[in-house]
All heavy atoms as atom14 arrays in JSON, in Angstrom:
{
  "sequence": "PAGSIYDSTRNFMIGAKNSQAPSDFYDGLIDEVRVWNVVRTATE",
  "atom14_mask": [
    [1, 1, 1, 1, 1, 1, 1, 0, 0, 0, 0, 0, 0, 0],
    [1, 1, 1, 1, 1, 0, 0, 0, 0, 0, 0, 0, 0, 0],
    [1, 1, 1, 1, 0, 0, 0, 0, 0, 0, 0, 0, 0, 0],
    [1, 1, 1, 1, 1, 1, 0, 0, 0, 0, 0, 0, 0, 0],
    [1, 1, 1, 1, 1, 1, 1, 1, 0, 0, 0, 0, 0, 0],
    [1, 1, 1, 1, 1, 1, 1, 1, 1, 1, 1, 1, 0, 0],
    [1, 1, 1, 1, 1, 1, 1, 1, 0, 0, 0, 0, 0, 0],
    [1, 1, 1, 1, 1, 1, 0, 0, 0, 0, 0, 0, 0, 0],
    [1, 1, 1, 1, 1, 1, 1, 0, 0, 0, 0, 0, 0, 0],
    [1, 1, 1, 1, 1, 1, 1, 1, 1, 1, 1, 0, 0, 0],
    [1, 1, 1, 1, 1, 1, 1, 1, 0, 0, 0, 0, 0, 0],
    [1, 1, 1, 1, 1, 1, 1, 1, 1, 1, 1, 0, 0, 0],
    [1, 1, 1, 1, 1, 1, 1, 1, 0, 0, 0, 0, 0, 0],
    [1, 1, 1, 1, 1, 1, 1, 1, 0, 0, 0, 0, 0, 0],
    [1, 1, 1, 1, 0, 0, 0, 0, 0, 0, 0, 0, 0, 0],
    [1, 1, 1, 1, 1, 0, 0, 0, 0, 0, 0, 0, 0, 0],
    [1, 1, 1, 1, 1, 1, 1, 1, 1, 0, 0, 0, 0, 0],
    [1, 1, 1, 1, 1, 1, 1, 1, 0, 0, 0, 0, 0, 0],
    [1, 1, 1, 1, 1, 1, 0, 0, 0, 0, 0, 0, 0, 0],
    [1, 1, 1, 1, 1, 1, 1, 1, 1, 0, 0, 0, 0, 0],
    [1, 1, 1, 1, 1, 0, 0, 0, 0, 0, 0, 0, 0, 0],
    [1, 1, 1, 1, 1, 1, 1, 0, 0, 0, 0, 0, 0, 0],
    [1, 1, 1, 1, 1, 1, 0, 0, 0, 0, 0, 0, 0, 0],
    [1, 1, 1, 1, 1, 1, 1, 1, 0, 0, 0, 0, 0, 0],
    [1, 1, 1, 1, 1, 1, 1, 1, 1, 1, 1, 0, 0, 0],
    [1, 1, 1, 1, 1, 1, 1, 1, 1, 1, 1, 1, 0, 0],
    [1, 1, 1, 1, 1, 1, 1, 1, 0, 0, 0, 0, 0, 0],
    [1, 1, 1, 1, 0, 0, 0, 0, 0, 0, 0, 0, 0, 0],
    [1, 1, 1, 1, 1, 1, 1, 1, 0, 0, 0, 0, 0, 0],
    [1, 1, 1, 1, 1, 1, 1, 1, 0, 0, 0, 0, 0, 0],
    [1, 1, 1, 1, 1, 1, 1, 1, 0, 0, 0, 0, 0, 0],
    [1, 1, 1, 1, 1, 1, 1, 1, 1, 0, 0, 0, 0, 0],
    [1, 1, 1, 1, 1, 1, 1, 0, 0, 0, 0, 0, 0, 0],
    [1, 1, 1, 1, 1, 1, 1, 1, 1, 1, 1, 0, 0, 0],
    [1, 1, 1, 1, 1, 1, 1, 0, 0, 0, 0, 0, 0, 0],
    [1, 1, 1, 1, 1, 1, 1, 1, 1, 1, 1, 1, 1, 1],
    [1, 1, 1, 1, 1, 1, 1, 1, 0, 0, 0, 0, 0, 0],
    [1, 1, 1, 1, 1, 1, 1, 0, 0, 0, 0, 0, 0, 0],
    [1, 1, 1, 1, 1, 1, 1, 0, 0, 0, 0, 0, 0, 0],
    [1, 1, 1, 1, 1, 1, 1, 1, 1, 1, 1, 0, 0, 0],
    [1, 1, 1, 1, 1, 1, 1, 0, 0, 0, 0, 0, 0, 0],
    [1, 1, 1, 1, 1, 0, 0, 0, 0, 0, 0, 0, 0, 0],
    [1, 1, 1, 1, 1, 1, 1, 0, 0, 0, 0, 0, 0, 0],
    [1, 1, 1, 1, 1, 1, 1, 1, 1, 0, 0, 0, 0, 0]
  ],
  "atom14_positions": [
    [[0.82, -1.21, 0.0], [0.0, 0.0, 0.0], [0.86, 1.26, 0.0], [1.92, 1.31, 0.63], [-0.8, -0.12, 1.31], [0.06, -0.97, 2.18], [0.74, -1.95, 1.27], [0.0, 0.0, 0.0], [0.0, 0.0, 0.0], [0.0, 0.0, 0.0], [0.0, 0.0, 0.0], [0.0, 0.0, 0.0], [0.0, 0.0, 0.0], [0.0, 0.0, 0.0]],
    [[0.42, 2.28, -0.71], [1.15, 3.54, -0.77], [0.93, 4.34, 0.52], [-0.13, 4.28, 1.14], [0.69, 4.36, -1.97], [0.0, 0.0, 0.0], [0.0, 0.0, 0.0], [0.0, 0.0, 0.0], [0.0, 0.0, 0.0], [0.0, 0.0, 0.0], [0.0, 0.0, 0.0], [0.0, 0.0, 0.0], [0.0, 0.0, 0.0], [0.0, 0.0, 0.0]],
    [[1.95, 5.08, 0.93], [1.83, 5.93, 2.1], [2.76, 5.51, 3.21], [3.52, 4.55, 3.1], [0.0, 0.0, 0.0], [0.0, 0.0, 0.0], [0.0, 0.0, 0.0], [0.0, 0.0, 0.0], [0.0, 0.0, 0.0], [0.0, 0.0, 0.0], [0.0, 0.0, 0.0], [0.0, 0.0, 0.0], [0.0, 0.0, 0.0], [0.0, 0.0, 0.0]],
    [[2.68, 6.24, 4.32], [3.56, 6.0, 5.46], [3.23, 4.7, 6.17], [2.06, 4.3, 6.25], [3.46, 7.16, 6.45], [3.95, 8.35, 5.89], [0.0, 0.0, 0.0], [0.0, 0.0, 0.0], [0.0, 0.0, 0.0], [0.0, 0.0, 0.0], [0.0, 0.0, 0.0], [0.0, 0.0, 0.0], [0.0, 0.0, 0.0], [0.0, 0.0, 0.0]],
    [[4.24, 4.05, 6.7], [4.06, 2.87, 7.52], [3.23, 3.23, 8.75], [3.46, 4.26, 9.38], [5.42, 2.29, 7.95], [6.21, 1.86, 6.72], [5.26, 1.14, 8.93], [7.66, 1.55, 7.01], [0.0, 0.0, 0.0], [0.0, 0.0, 0.0], [0.0, 0.0, 0.0], [0.0, 0.0, 0.0], [0.0, 0.0, 0.0], [0.0, 0.0, 0.0]],
    [[2.28, 2.38, 9.09], [1.4, 2.67, 10.22], [2.18, 2.68, 11.54], [3.02, 1.81, 11.79], [0.29, 1.62, 10.3], [-0.68, 1.86, 11.43], [-1.62, 2.88, 11.33], [-0.65, 1.09, 12.59], [-2.51, 3.12, 12.37], [-1.53, 1.32, 13.62], [-2.46, 2.34, 13.51], [-3.35, 2.59, 14.53], [0.0, 0.0, 0.0], [0.0, 0.0, 0.0]],
    [[1.88, 3.66, 12.37], [2.56, 3.82, 13.66], [1.83, 3.01, 14.72], [1.06, 3.52, 15.52], [2.61, 5.3, 14.04], [3.41, 5.55, 15.31], [3.99, 4.58, 15.84], [3.44, 6.71, 15.76], [0.0, 0.0, 0.0], [0.0, 0.0, 0.0], [0.0, 0.0, 0.0], [0.0, 0.0, 0.0], [0.0, 0.0, 0.0], [0.0, 0.0, 0.0]],
    [[2.09, 1.7, 14.73], [1.47, 0.81, 15.71], [2.11, 0.98, 17.08], [3.31, 1.26, 17.18], [1.61, -0.65, 15.26], [1.26, -1.54, 16.29], [0.0, 0.0, 0.0], [0.0, 0.0, 0.0], [0.0, 0.0, 0.0], [0.0, 0.0, 0.0], [0.0, 0.0, 0.0], [0.0, 0.0, 0.0], [0.0, 0.0, 0.0], [0.0, 0.0, 0.0]],
    [[1.35, 0.8, 18.13], [1.88, 0.86, 19.49], [2.31, -0.51, 20.01], [2.75, -0.64, 21.15], [0.84, 1.44, 20.45], [-0.32, 0.59, 20.45], [0.44, 2.85, 20.04], [0.0, 0.0, 0.0], [0.0, 0.0, 0.0], [0.0, 0.0, 0.0], [0.0, 0.0, 0.0], [0.0, 0.0, 0.0], [0.0, 0.0, 0.0], [0.0, 0.0, 0.0]],
    [[2.2, -1.54, 19.17], [2.54, -2.89, 19.6], [4.06, -3.08, 19.65], [4.83, -2.32, 19.08], [1.9, -3.92, 18.66], [0.39, -3.85, 18.6], [-0.23, -4.0, 19.96], [-1.69, -4.01, 19.89], [-2.49, -3.94, 20.94], [-1.96, -3.83, 22.16], [-3.79, -3.95, 20.8], [0.0, 0.0, 0.0], [0.0, 0.0, 0.0], [0.0, 0.0, 0.0]],
    [[4.47, -4.15, 20.3], [5.89, -4.43, 20.47], [6.59, -4.72, 19.14], [6.0, -5.23, 18.19], [6.09, -5.65, 21.37], [5.73, -5.38, 22.81], [5.62, -4.25, 23.23], [5.52, -6.45, 23.57], [0.0, 0.0, 0.0], [0.0, 0.0, 0.0], [0.0, 0.0, 0.0], [0.0, 0.0, 0.0], [0.0, 0.0, 0.0], [0.0, 0.0, 0.0]],
    [[7.87, -4.4, 19.11], [8.78, -4.86, 18.08], [9.23, -6.26, 18.47], [9.53, -6.52, 19.64], [9.97, -3.92, 18.0], [11.07, -4.37, 17.08], [11.01, -4.11, 15.73], [12.18, -5.04, 17.59], [12.04, -4.51, 14.87], [13.21, -5.44, 16.75], [13.13, -5.18, 15.39], [0.0, 0.0, 0.0], [0.0, 0.0, 0.0], [0.0, 0.0, 0.0]],
    [[9.27, -7.19, 17.5], [9.57, -8.57, 17.85], [10.61, -9.17, 16.91], [10.67, -8.84, 15.73], [8.29, -9.41, 17.83], [7.23, -8.91, 18.8], [5.74, -9.93, 18.84], [6.34, -11.35, 19.75], [0.0, 0.0, 0.0], [0.0, 0.0, 0.0], [0.0, 0.0, 0.0], [0.0, 0.0, 0.0], [0.0, 0.0, 0.0], [0.0, 0.0, 0.0]],
    [[11.42, -10.05, 17.46], [12.39, -10.82, 16.7], [12.09, -12.29, 16.95], [12.08, -12.75, 18.09], [13.83, -10.49, 17.15], [14.17, -9.04, 16.77], [14.83, -11.46, 16.52], [15.55, -8.6, 17.2], [0.0, 0.0, 0.0], [0.0, 0.0, 0.0], [0.0, 0.0, 0.0], [0.0, 0.0, 0.0], [0.0, 0.0, 0.0], [0.0, 0.0, 0.0]],
    [[11.77, -13.01, 15.89], [11.53, -14.45, 16.0], [10.08, -14.86, 16.12], [9.8, -16.06, 16.25], [0.0, 0.0, 0.0], [0.0, 0.0, 0.0], [0.0, 0.0, 0.0], [0.0, 0.0, 0.0], [0.0, 0.0, 0.0], [0.0, 0.0, 0.0], [0.0, 0.0, 0.0], [0.0, 0.0, 0.0], [0.0, 0.0, 0.0], [0.0, 0.0, 0.0]],
    [[9.15, -13.91, 16.07], [7.73, -14.24, 16.15], [6.93, -13.0, 15.77], [7.47, -11.91, 15.59], [7.34, -14.69, 17.56], [0.0, 0.0, 0.0], [0.0, 0.0, 0.0], [0.0, 0.0, 0.0], [0.0, 0.0, 0.0], [0.0, 0.0, 0.0], [0.0, 0.0, 0.0], [0.0, 0.0, 0.0], [0.0, 0.0, 0.0], [0.0, 0.0, 0.0]],
    [[5.6, -13.17, 15.67], [4.71, -12.03, 15.49], [3.64, -12.08, 16.57], [3.44, -13.1, 17.22], [4.06, -12.03, 14.11], [3.0, -13.11, 13.9], [2.26, -12.91, 12.59], [1.13, -13.93, 12.41], [0.36, -13.72, 11.18], [0.0, 0.0, 0.0], [0.0, 0.0, 0.0], [0.0, 0.0, 0.0], [0.0, 0.0, 0.0], [0.0, 0.0, 0.0]],
    [[2.97, -10.95, 16.77], [1.8, -10.83, 17.64], [2.17, -10.92, 19.13], [2.23, -12.0, 19.71], [0.74, -11.89, 17.3], [-0.6, -11.55, 17.93], [-0.72, -10.6, 18.7], [-1.61, -12.33, 17.59], [0.0, 0.0, 0.0], [0.0, 0.0, 0.0], [0.0, 0.0, 0.0], [0.0, 0.0, 0.0], [0.0, 0.0, 0.0], [0.0, 0.0, 0.0]],
    [[2.38, -9.77, 19.74], [2.78, -9.74, 21.15], [1.67, -10.19, 22.09], [1.94, -10.57, 23.23], [3.23, -8.33, 21.54], [2.21, -7.39, 21.3], [0.0, 0.0, 0.0], [0.0, 0.0, 0.0], [0.0, 0.0, 0.0], [0.0, 0.0, 0.0], [0.0, 0.0, 0.0], [0.0, 0.0, 0.0], [0.0, 0.0, 0.0], [0.0, 0.0, 0.0]],
    [[0.4, -10.14, 21.65], [-0.69, -10.58, 22.52], [-0.8, -12.1, 22.55], [-1.1, -12.69, 23.6], [-2.01, -9.96, 22.04], [-2.06, -8.45, 22.24], [-3.42, -7.89, 21.92], [-4.12, -8.37, 21.03], [-3.82, -6.86, 22.64], [0.0, 0.0, 0.0], [0.0, 0.0, 0.0], [0.0, 0.0, 0.0], [0.0, 0.0, 0.0], [0.0, 0.0, 0.0]],
    [[-0.56, -12.74, 21.42], [-0.6, -14.21, 21.34], [0.47, -14.64, 20.35], [0.17, -14.92, 19.19], [-1.98, -14.7, 20.91], [0.0, 0.0, 0.0], [0.0, 0.0, 0.0], [0.0, 0.0, 0.0], [0.0, 0.0, 0.0], [0.0, 0.0, 0.0], [0.0, 0.0, 0.0], [0.0, 0.0, 0.0], [0.0, 0.0, 0.0], [0.0, 0.0, 0.0]],
    [[1.74, -14.67, 20.77], [2.84, -14.93, 19.84], [2.65, -16.19, 19.01], [2.18, -17.23, 19.49], [4.05, -15.04, 20.78], [3.68, -14.2, 21.95], [2.21, -14.42, 22.14], [0.0, 0.0, 0.0], [0.0, 0.0, 0.0], [0.0, 0.0, 0.0], [0.0, 0.0, 0.0], [0.0, 0.0, 0.0], [0.0, 0.0, 0.0], [0.0, 0.0, 0.0]],
    [[3.04, -16.1, 17.74], [2.88, -17.22, 16.82], [3.91, -17.08, 15.7], [4.69, -16.14, 15.67], [1.47, -17.22, 16.22], [1.24, -16.03, 15.47], [0.0, 0.0, 0.0], [0.0, 0.0, 0.0], [0.0, 0.0, 0.0], [0.0, 0.0, 0.0], [0.0, 0.0, 0.0], [0.0, 0.0, 0.0], [0.0, 0.0, 0.0], [0.0, 0.0, 0.0]],
    [[3.9, -18.04, 14.76], [4.79, -18.02, 13.6], [6.24, -17.84, 14.03], [6.93, -16.92, 13.58], [4.36, -16.92, 12.62], [2.98, -17.15, 12.05], [2.88, -17.84, 11.02], [2.0, -16.65, 12.64], [0.0, 0.0, 0.0], [0.0, 0.0, 0.0], [0.0, 0.0, 0.0], [0.0, 0.0, 0.0], [0.0, 0.0, 0.0], [0.0, 0.0, 0.0]],
    [[6.69, -18.74, 14.88], [8.03, -18.64, 15.47], [9.11, -19.01, 14.45], [8.96, -19.96, 13.69], [8.13, -19.55, 16.7], [7.16, -19.2, 17.78], [5.99, -19.91, 17.93], [7.42, -18.14, 18.64], [5.08, -19.59, 18.94], [6.52, -17.81, 19.64], [5.35, -18.52, 19.79], [0.0, 0.0, 0.0], [0.0, 0.0, 0.0], [0.0, 0.0, 0.0]],
    [[10.18, -18.26, 14.49], [11.35, -18.51, 13.66], [12.17, -19.64, 14.28], [12.27, -19.76, 15.5], [12.18, -17.22, 13.58], [13.54, -17.39, 12.96], [13.69, -17.36, 11.58], [14.67, -17.55, 13.75], [14.95, -17.5, 11.0], [15.93, -17.69, 13.19], [16.06, -17.67, 11.81], [17.3, -17.8, 11.25], [0.0, 0.0, 0.0], [0.0, 0.0, 0.0]],
    [[12.79, -20.44, 13.43], [13.57, -21.59, 13.9], [14.99, -21.51, 13.35], [15.22, -21.81, 12.17], [12.91, -22.89, 13.45], [13.53, -24.12, 14.1], [14.11, -23.99, 15.2], [13.43, -25.21, 13.5], [0.0, 0.0, 0.0], [0.0, 0.0, 0.0], [0.0, 0.0, 0.0], [0.0, 0.0, 0.0], [0.0, 0.0, 0.0], [0.0, 0.0, 0.0]],
    [[15.92, -21.09, 14.19], [17.31, -21.02, 13.75], [18.09, -19.94, 14.47], [17.64, -19.37, 15.47], [0.0, 0.0, 0.0], [0.0, 0.0, 0.0], [0.0, 0.0, 0.0], [0.0, 0.0, 0.0], [0.0, 0.0, 0.0], [0.0, 0.0, 0.0], [0.0, 0.0, 0.0], [0.0, 0.0, 0.0], [0.0, 0.0, 0.0], [0.0, 0.0, 0.0]],
    [[19.28, -19.65, 13.95], [20.13, -18.61, 14.5], [19.85, -17.28, 13.8], [19.45, -17.26, 12.63], [21.6, -18.98, 14.32], [22.07, -20.3, 14.94], [23.51, -20.57, 14.55], [21.92, -20.28, 16.44], [0.0, 0.0, 0.0], [0.0, 0.0, 0.0], [0.0, 0.0, 0.0], [0.0, 0.0, 0.0], [0.0, 0.0, 0.0], [0.0, 0.0, 0.0]],
    [[20.07, -16.2, 14.53], [19.9, -14.87, 13.97], [20.95, -13.95, 14.58], [21.31, -14.08, 15.75], [18.47, -14.34, 14.22], [18.25, -13.01, 13.51], [18.17, -14.22, 15.71], [16.78, -12.61, 13.45], [0.0, 0.0, 0.0], [0.0, 0.0, 0.0], [0.0, 0.0, 0.0], [0.0, 0.0, 0.0], [0.0, 0.0, 0.0], [0.0, 0.0, 0.0]],
    [[21.44, -13.03, 13.76], [22.49, -12.13, 14.23], [22.42, -10.82, 13.45], [21.8, -10.74, 12.37], [23.86, -12.79, 14.01], [24.96, -12.16, 14.87], [24.64, -11.39, 15.78], [26.14, -12.46, 14.63], [0.0, 0.0, 0.0], [0.0, 0.0, 0.0], [0.0, 0.0, 0.0], [0.0, 0.0, 0.0], [0.0, 0.0, 0.0], [0.0, 0.0, 0.0]],
    [[23.05, -9.79, 14.01], [23.23, -8.51, 13.33], [21.92, -7.96, 12.75], [21.81, -7.65, 11.57], [24.28, -8.65, 12.23], [25.69, -8.82, 12.75], [26.26, -7.54, 13.38], [26.17, -6.47, 12.76], [26.79, -7.63, 14.51], [0.0, 0.0, 0.0], [0.0, 0.0, 0.0], [0.0, 0.0, 0.0], [0.0, 0.0, 0.0], [0.0, 0.0, 0.0]],
    [[20.92, -7.81, 13.6], [19.64, -7.24, 13.18], [19.75, -5.73, 13.14], [20.14, -5.09, 14.13], [18.51, -7.68, 14.13], [17.22, -6.92, 13.83], [18.28, -9.18, 14.03], [0.0, 0.0, 0.0], [0.0, 0.0, 0.0], [0.0, 0.0, 0.0], [0.0, 0.0, 0.0], [0.0, 0.0, 0.0], [0.0, 0.0, 0.0], [0.0, 0.0, 0.0]],
    [[19.38, -5.14, 12.0], [19.5, -3.7, 11.8], [18.2, -3.14, 11.22], [17.66, -3.69, 10.26], [20.66, -3.38, 10.86], [21.99, -3.99, 11.32], [23.07, -3.92, 10.25], [24.29, -4.58, 10.7], [25.4, -4.68, 9.98], [25.45, -4.16, 8.76], [26.48, -5.3, 10.47], [0.0, 0.0, 0.0], [0.0, 0.0, 0.0], [0.0, 0.0, 0.0]],
    [[17.73, -2.05, 11.8], [16.54, -1.36, 11.32], [16.92, 0.07, 10.99], [17.42, 0.8, 11.86], [15.41, -1.38, 12.37], [14.18, -0.63, 11.85], [15.05, -2.81, 12.76], [0.0, 0.0, 0.0], [0.0, 0.0, 0.0], [0.0, 0.0, 0.0], [0.0, 0.0, 0.0], [0.0, 0.0, 0.0], [0.0, 0.0, 0.0], [0.0, 0.0, 0.0]],
    [[16.69, 0.48, 9.75], [17.01, 1.83, 9.28], [15.73, 2.51, 8.83], [14.82, 1.86, 8.31], [17.97, 1.78, 8.1], [19.2, 0.95, 8.25], [19.3, -0.41, 8.11], [20.52, 1.42, 8.53], [20.6, -0.82, 8.3], [21.38, 0.28, 8.55], [21.08, 2.69, 8.75], [22.75, 0.38, 8.78], [22.44, 2.78, 8.98], [23.26, 1.64, 9.0]],
    [[15.67, 3.83, 8.94], [14.49, 4.56, 8.45], [14.73, 5.2, 7.1], [14.01, 6.12, 6.7], [14.03, 5.6, 9.47], [15.05, 6.7, 9.7], [16.15, 6.69, 9.13], [14.71, 7.66, 10.56], [0.0, 0.0, 0.0], [0.0, 0.0, 0.0], [0.0, 0.0, 0.0], [0.0, 0.0, 0.0], [0.0, 0.0, 0.0], [0.0, 0.0, 0.0]],
    [[15.72, 4.7, 6.37], [16.02, 5.16, 5.02], [16.23, 3.96, 4.11], [16.34, 2.82, 4.58], [17.31, 6.04, 4.98], [17.09, 7.33, 5.74], [18.5, 5.27, 5.52], [0.0, 0.0, 0.0], [0.0, 0.0, 0.0], [0.0, 0.0, 0.0], [0.0, 0.0, 0.0], [0.0, 0.0, 0.0], [0.0, 0.0, 0.0], [0.0, 0.0, 0.0]],
    [[16.3, 4.21, 2.82], [16.66, 3.16, 1.86], [18.18, 3.1, 1.77], [18.84, 4.04, 1.34], [16.07, 3.47, 0.47], [16.58, 2.45, -0.55], [14.55, 3.45, 0.53], [0.0, 0.0, 0.0], [0.0, 0.0, 0.0], [0.0, 0.0, 0.0], [0.0, 0.0, 0.0], [0.0, 0.0, 0.0], [0.0, 0.0, 0.0], [0.0, 0.0, 0.0]],
    [[18.75, 2.0, 2.23], [20.18, 1.8, 2.1], [20.5, 1.43, 0.65], [19.75, 0.7, -0.01], [20.65, 0.68, 3.02], [20.44, 0.97, 4.5], [21.5, 1.91, 5.03], [22.76, 1.21, 5.26], [23.89, 1.83, 5.6], [23.93, 3.15, 5.68], [24.99, 1.13, 5.81], [0.0, 0.0, 0.0], [0.0, 0.0, 0.0], [0.0, 0.0, 0.0]],
    [[21.62, 1.93, 0.15], [22.0, 1.63, -1.23], [22.54, 0.21, -1.33], [22.93, -0.41, -0.34], [23.07, 2.61, -1.72], [24.29, 2.36, -1.01], [22.63, 4.05, -1.51], [0.0, 0.0, 0.0], [0.0, 0.0, 0.0], [0.0, 0.0, 0.0], [0.0, 0.0, 0.0], [0.0, 0.0, 0.0], [0.0, 0.0, 0.0], [0.0, 0.0, 0.0]],
    [[22.57, -0.28, -2.56], [23.12, -1.61, -2.8], [24.57, -1.69, -2.33], [24.99, -2.7, -1.75], [23.01, -1.95, -4.28], [0.0, 0.0, 0.0], [0.0, 0.0, 0.0], [0.0, 0.0, 0.0], [0.0, 0.0, 0.0], [0.0, 0.0, 0.0], [0.0, 0.0, 0.0], [0.0, 0.0, 0.0], [0.0, 0.0, 0.0], [0.0, 0.0, 0.0]],
    [[25.33, -0.63, -2.54], [26.73, -0.61, -2.13], [26.85, -0.65, -0.62], [27.69, -1.37, -0.06], [27.43, 0.64, -2.67], [27.39, 0.61, -4.11], [28.88, 0.7, -2.21], [0.0, 0.0, 0.0], [0.0, 0.0, 0.0], [0.0, 0.0, 0.0], [0.0, 0.0, 0.0], [0.0, 0.0, 0.0], [0.0, 0.0, 0.0], [0.0, 0.0, 0.0]],
    [[26.01, 0.11, 0.07], [26.06, 0.13, 1.54], [25.71, -1.23, 2.12], [26.36, -1.71, 3.06], [25.09, 1.19, 2.07], [25.58, 2.61, 1.84], [24.52, 3.65, 2.15], [23.31, 3.34, 2.03], [24.89, 4.78, 2.51], [0.0, 0.0, 0.0], [0.0, 0.0, 0.0], [0.0, 0.0, 0.0], [0.0, 0.0, 0.0], [0.0, 0.0, 0.0]]
  ]
}
């Protein structure tokens, strides 16, 4: 959808979704999680 990302008050999560009833759990190792508010270039 076009427009700004919705400003939800719910938790940020790593490895699952839905802070009220967590589900869809990730299975494995995870490292170096990064969240940016810009478009990073291919070179970056």
